[in-house]
Amino acid sequence: MEQRPEELKNIGVMMSNFDYEIEPGTKNRLKSEKVYCGYAGWNFYGTVWFDGRFKCQVKQYKRHVDTVEARTLKELMKKVSAKYGQD
């Protein structure tokens, strides 16, 4: 499973399943800067970055269980939520 590149800087939690919101400007920052963000879900925690596609390293109980890819952040959120919980 692919992991987040170590050289990226953490910009904090910018996505949440609580309200299904993505903080404004997140897409542009991920695409234009060397950064990653957190994605908080009830049954998982995701680390999101951009490498030609948006990618999410999904962890459950501190264990890396999957890496999901999508063209958009909304699509990424839908894929991760569908597989790892929407609550």
N, C-alpha and C. Protein backbone atom coordinates (compact mmCIF):
# COMPACT_ATOMS: atom_id res chain seq x y z
N MET A 1 0.83 -1.19 0.00
CA MET A 1 0.00 0.00 0.00
C MET A 1 0.88 1.24 0.00
N GLU A 2 0.49 2.17 -0.82
CA GLU A 2 1.24 3.42 -0.91
C GLU A 2 1.07 4.25 0.36
N GLN A 3 2.16 4.89 0.77
CA GLN A 3 2.14 5.74 1.95
C GLN A 3 2.46 7.17 1.57
N ARG A 4 2.05 8.09 2.43
CA ARG A 4 2.31 9.52 2.22
C ARG A 4 3.82 9.77 2.20
N PRO A 5 4.26 10.58 1.24
CA PRO A 5 5.68 10.94 1.21
C PRO A 5 6.07 11.69 2.49
N GLU A 6 7.19 11.34 3.06
CA GLU A 6 7.63 11.89 4.34
C GLU A 6 7.93 13.39 4.28
N GLU A 7 8.32 13.91 3.12
CA GLU A 7 8.74 15.32 3.04
C GLU A 7 7.58 16.32 3.05
N LEU A 8 6.35 15.84 2.98
CA LEU A 8 5.21 16.75 2.97
C LEU A 8 4.94 17.32 4.36
N LYS A 9 4.45 18.58 4.38
CA LYS A 9 4.16 19.28 5.63
C LYS A 9 2.68 19.12 5.99
N ASN A 10 2.39 18.90 7.24
CA ASN A 10 1.02 18.73 7.74
C ASN A 10 0.34 20.10 7.87
N ILE A 11 -0.84 20.25 7.24
CA ILE A 11 -1.60 21.49 7.38
C ILE A 11 -2.83 21.31 8.27
N GLY A 12 -2.92 20.18 8.96
CA GLY A 12 -4.01 19.94 9.90
C GLY A 12 -5.18 19.21 9.27
N VAL A 13 -6.22 19.02 10.08
CA VAL A 13 -7.42 18.32 9.62
C VAL A 13 -8.26 19.29 8.78
N MET A 14 -8.43 18.96 7.51
CA MET A 14 -9.15 19.83 6.58
C MET A 14 -10.41 19.17 6.02
N MET A 15 -10.63 17.89 6.37
CA MET A 15 -11.79 17.14 5.89
C MET A 15 -12.39 16.37 7.06
N SER A 16 -13.73 16.25 7.06
CA SER A 16 -14.38 15.56 8.17
C SER A 16 -15.65 14.86 7.71
N ASN A 17 -15.87 13.67 8.24
CA ASN A 17 -17.13 12.96 7.98
C ASN A 17 -18.25 13.47 8.87
N PHE A 18 -17.93 14.24 9.89
CA PHE A 18 -18.95 14.78 10.79
C PHE A 18 -19.96 15.62 10.01
N ASP A 19 -19.45 16.51 9.17
CA ASP A 19 -20.32 17.39 8.40
C ASP A 19 -20.11 17.26 6.89
N TYR A 20 -19.29 16.29 6.49
CA TYR A 20 -18.99 16.05 5.07
C TYR A 20 -18.50 17.32 4.37
N GLU A 21 -17.67 18.06 5.07
CA GLU A 21 -17.14 19.31 4.53
C GLU A 21 -15.64 19.20 4.28
N ILE A 22 -15.22 19.96 3.29
CA ILE A 22 -13.80 20.11 3.00
C ILE A 22 -13.51 21.60 3.17
N GLU A 23 -12.55 21.93 4.00
CA GLU A 23 -12.24 23.33 4.26
C GLU A 23 -11.88 24.04 2.94
N PRO A 24 -12.39 25.28 2.77
CA PRO A 24 -12.09 26.04 1.56
C PRO A 24 -10.58 26.17 1.34
N GLY A 25 -10.18 26.03 0.09
CA GLY A 25 -8.78 26.18 -0.29
C GLY A 25 -7.95 24.91 -0.17
N THR A 26 -8.53 23.85 0.39
CA THR A 26 -7.77 22.61 0.60
C THR A 26 -7.27 22.03 -0.72
N LYS A 27 -8.16 21.93 -1.70
CA LYS A 27 -7.78 21.36 -3.00
C LYS A 27 -6.58 22.10 -3.59
N ASN A 28 -6.64 23.42 -3.60
CA ASN A 28 -5.56 24.20 -4.20
C ASN A 28 -4.25 24.06 -3.44
N ARG A 29 -4.32 24.03 -2.12
CA ARG A 29 -3.10 23.87 -1.32
C ARG A 29 -2.47 22.50 -1.56
N LEU A 30 -3.29 21.45 -1.59
CA LEU A 30 -2.75 20.11 -1.82
C LEU A 30 -2.10 20.01 -3.19
N LYS A 31 -2.68 20.67 -4.18
CA LYS A 31 -2.15 20.60 -5.55
C LYS A 31 -0.92 21.47 -5.75
N SER A 32 -0.84 22.62 -5.07
CA SER A 32 0.22 23.58 -5.37
C SER A 32 1.36 23.62 -4.35
N GLU A 33 1.15 23.06 -3.17
CA GLU A 33 2.18 23.08 -2.14
C GLU A 33 2.58 21.65 -1.78
N LYS A 34 3.70 21.50 -1.13
CA LYS A 34 4.16 20.17 -0.67
C LYS A 34 3.59 19.91 0.71
N VAL A 35 2.27 19.63 0.75
CA VAL A 35 1.55 19.47 2.02
C VAL A 35 0.62 18.27 1.98
N TYR A 36 0.17 17.87 3.17
CA TYR A 36 -0.88 16.87 3.31
C TYR A 36 -1.83 17.35 4.39
N CYS A 37 -3.03 16.76 4.41
CA CYS A 37 -4.00 17.14 5.43
C CYS A 37 -4.63 15.90 6.04
N GLY A 38 -5.28 16.12 7.18
CA GLY A 38 -5.98 15.05 7.85
C GLY A 38 -7.43 14.97 7.40
N TYR A 39 -7.98 13.78 7.47
CA TYR A 39 -9.38 13.51 7.14
C TYR A 39 -9.93 12.67 8.29
N ALA A 40 -10.74 13.29 9.13
CA ALA A 40 -11.27 12.63 10.32
C ALA A 40 -12.60 11.94 10.04
N GLY A 41 -12.67 10.66 10.36
CA GLY A 41 -13.89 9.88 10.24
C GLY A 41 -14.16 9.15 11.54
N TRP A 42 -15.37 8.67 11.72
CA TRP A 42 -15.72 7.98 12.95
C TRP A 42 -14.91 6.69 13.12
N ASN A 43 -14.77 5.91 12.05
CA ASN A 43 -14.11 4.61 12.12
C ASN A 43 -12.73 4.58 11.47
N PHE A 44 -12.18 5.74 11.15
CA PHE A 44 -10.88 5.78 10.49
C PHE A 44 -10.26 7.17 10.64
N TYR A 45 -9.01 7.27 10.27
CA TYR A 45 -8.34 8.57 10.12
C TYR A 45 -7.56 8.50 8.82
N GLY A 46 -7.74 9.49 7.99
CA GLY A 46 -7.06 9.51 6.70
C GLY A 46 -6.03 10.62 6.61
N THR A 47 -4.98 10.35 5.87
CA THR A 47 -3.97 11.34 5.54
C THR A 47 -4.06 11.54 4.03
N VAL A 48 -4.33 12.78 3.61
CA VAL A 48 -4.63 13.07 2.20
C VAL A 48 -3.53 13.95 1.60
N TRP A 49 -3.10 13.58 0.38
CA TRP A 49 -2.12 14.37 -0.36
C TRP A 49 -2.43 14.26 -1.84
N PHE A 50 -1.72 15.06 -2.65
CA PHE A 50 -1.92 15.06 -4.10
C PHE A 50 -0.63 14.65 -4.78
N ASP A 51 -0.75 13.67 -5.67
CA ASP A 51 0.39 13.18 -6.46
C ASP A 51 -0.14 12.79 -7.83
N GLY A 52 -0.64 13.78 -8.57
CA GLY A 52 -1.28 13.51 -9.85
C GLY A 52 -2.75 13.15 -9.67
N ARG A 53 -3.08 12.55 -8.54
CA ARG A 53 -4.44 12.23 -8.10
C ARG A 53 -4.47 12.46 -6.59
N PHE A 54 -5.65 12.67 -6.06
CA PHE A 54 -5.77 12.78 -4.61
C PHE A 54 -5.68 11.38 -4.01
N LYS A 55 -4.91 11.25 -2.95
CA LYS A 55 -4.69 9.96 -2.32
C LYS A 55 -4.96 10.07 -0.82
N CYS A 56 -5.48 8.99 -0.26
CA CYS A 56 -5.77 8.95 1.17
C CYS A 56 -5.22 7.67 1.77
N GLN A 57 -4.31 7.83 2.70
CA GLN A 57 -3.77 6.70 3.47
C GLN A 57 -4.72 6.51 4.65
N VAL A 58 -5.47 5.42 4.64
CA VAL A 58 -6.50 5.17 5.65
C VAL A 58 -5.92 4.33 6.79
N LYS A 59 -6.16 4.80 8.02
CA LYS A 59 -5.71 4.07 9.20
C LYS A 59 -6.91 3.78 10.10
N GLN A 60 -6.89 2.61 10.69
CA GLN A 60 -7.85 2.23 11.71
C GLN A 60 -7.05 1.72 12.89
N TYR A 61 -7.32 2.28 14.05
CA TYR A 61 -6.59 1.90 15.27
C TYR A 61 -5.08 1.97 15.05
N LYS A 62 -4.65 3.06 14.40
CA LYS A 62 -3.23 3.37 14.12
C LYS A 62 -2.56 2.40 13.15
N ARG A 63 -3.35 1.57 12.48
CA ARG A 63 -2.81 0.61 11.50
C ARG A 63 -3.20 1.03 10.09
N HIS A 64 -2.24 1.12 9.20
CA HIS A 64 -2.49 1.46 7.80
C HIS A 64 -3.23 0.29 7.15
N VAL A 65 -4.48 0.54 6.72
CA VAL A 65 -5.29 -0.55 6.16
C VAL A 65 -5.52 -0.42 4.66
N ASP A 66 -5.32 0.79 4.11
CA ASP A 66 -5.62 0.97 2.68
C ASP A 66 -5.09 2.33 2.22
N THR A 67 -4.89 2.46 0.92
CA THR A 67 -4.65 3.75 0.29
C THR A 67 -5.63 3.85 -0.87
N VAL A 68 -6.45 4.90 -0.84
CA VAL A 68 -7.52 5.11 -1.81
C VAL A 68 -7.15 6.31 -2.68
N GLU A 69 -7.45 6.24 -3.98
CA GLU A 69 -7.16 7.32 -4.93
C GLU A 69 -8.44 7.79 -5.60
N ALA A 70 -8.46 9.09 -5.98
CA ALA A 70 -9.60 9.64 -6.72
C ALA A 70 -9.16 10.90 -7.46
N ARG A 71 -9.98 11.29 -8.43
CA ARG A 71 -9.69 12.50 -9.22
C ARG A 71 -9.99 13.77 -8.44
N THR A 72 -11.00 13.73 -7.55
CA THR A 72 -11.39 14.91 -6.78
C THR A 72 -11.44 14.57 -5.29
N LEU A 73 -11.42 15.60 -4.45
CA LEU A 73 -11.53 15.37 -3.02
C LEU A 73 -12.91 14.84 -2.63
N LYS A 74 -13.96 15.33 -3.27
CA LYS A 74 -15.31 14.83 -3.00
C LYS A 74 -15.42 13.35 -3.34
N GLU A 75 -14.86 12.97 -4.49
CA GLU A 75 -14.88 11.56 -4.91
C GLU A 75 -14.07 10.71 -3.92
N LEU A 76 -12.94 11.23 -3.46
CA LEU A 76 -12.12 10.53 -2.49
C LEU A 76 -12.90 10.32 -1.19
N MET A 77 -13.58 11.36 -0.75
CA MET A 77 -14.38 11.27 0.47
C MET A 77 -15.49 10.22 0.33
N LYS A 78 -16.14 10.19 -0.82
CA LYS A 78 -17.20 9.20 -1.05
C LYS A 78 -16.65 7.77 -1.02
N LYS A 79 -15.52 7.55 -1.67
CA LYS A 79 -14.92 6.21 -1.72
C LYS A 79 -14.50 5.74 -0.33
N VAL A 80 -13.82 6.60 0.41
CA VAL A 80 -13.34 6.22 1.73
C VAL A 80 -14.52 6.00 2.67
N SER A 81 -15.50 6.89 2.63
CA SER A 81 -16.68 6.77 3.50
C SER A 81 -17.47 5.50 3.20
N ALA A 82 -17.62 5.18 1.94
CA ALA A 82 -18.38 3.99 1.55
C ALA A 82 -17.72 2.72 2.09
N LYS A 83 -16.41 2.70 2.11
CA LYS A 83 -15.69 1.49 2.53
C LYS A 83 -15.41 1.44 4.03
N TYR A 84 -15.18 2.60 4.65
CA TYR A 84 -14.72 2.60 6.04
C TYR A 84 -15.66 3.30 7.02
N GLY A 85 -16.84 3.69 6.58
CA GLY A 85 -17.82 4.24 7.51
C GLY A 85 -18.14 5.69 7.24
N GLN A 86 -19.41 5.99 7.32
CA GLN A 86 -19.88 7.35 7.04
C GLN A 86 -20.32 8.08 8.30
N ASP A 87 -20.31 7.46 9.42
CA ASP A 87 -20.77 8.10 10.66
C ASP A 87 -19.73 9.04 11.21
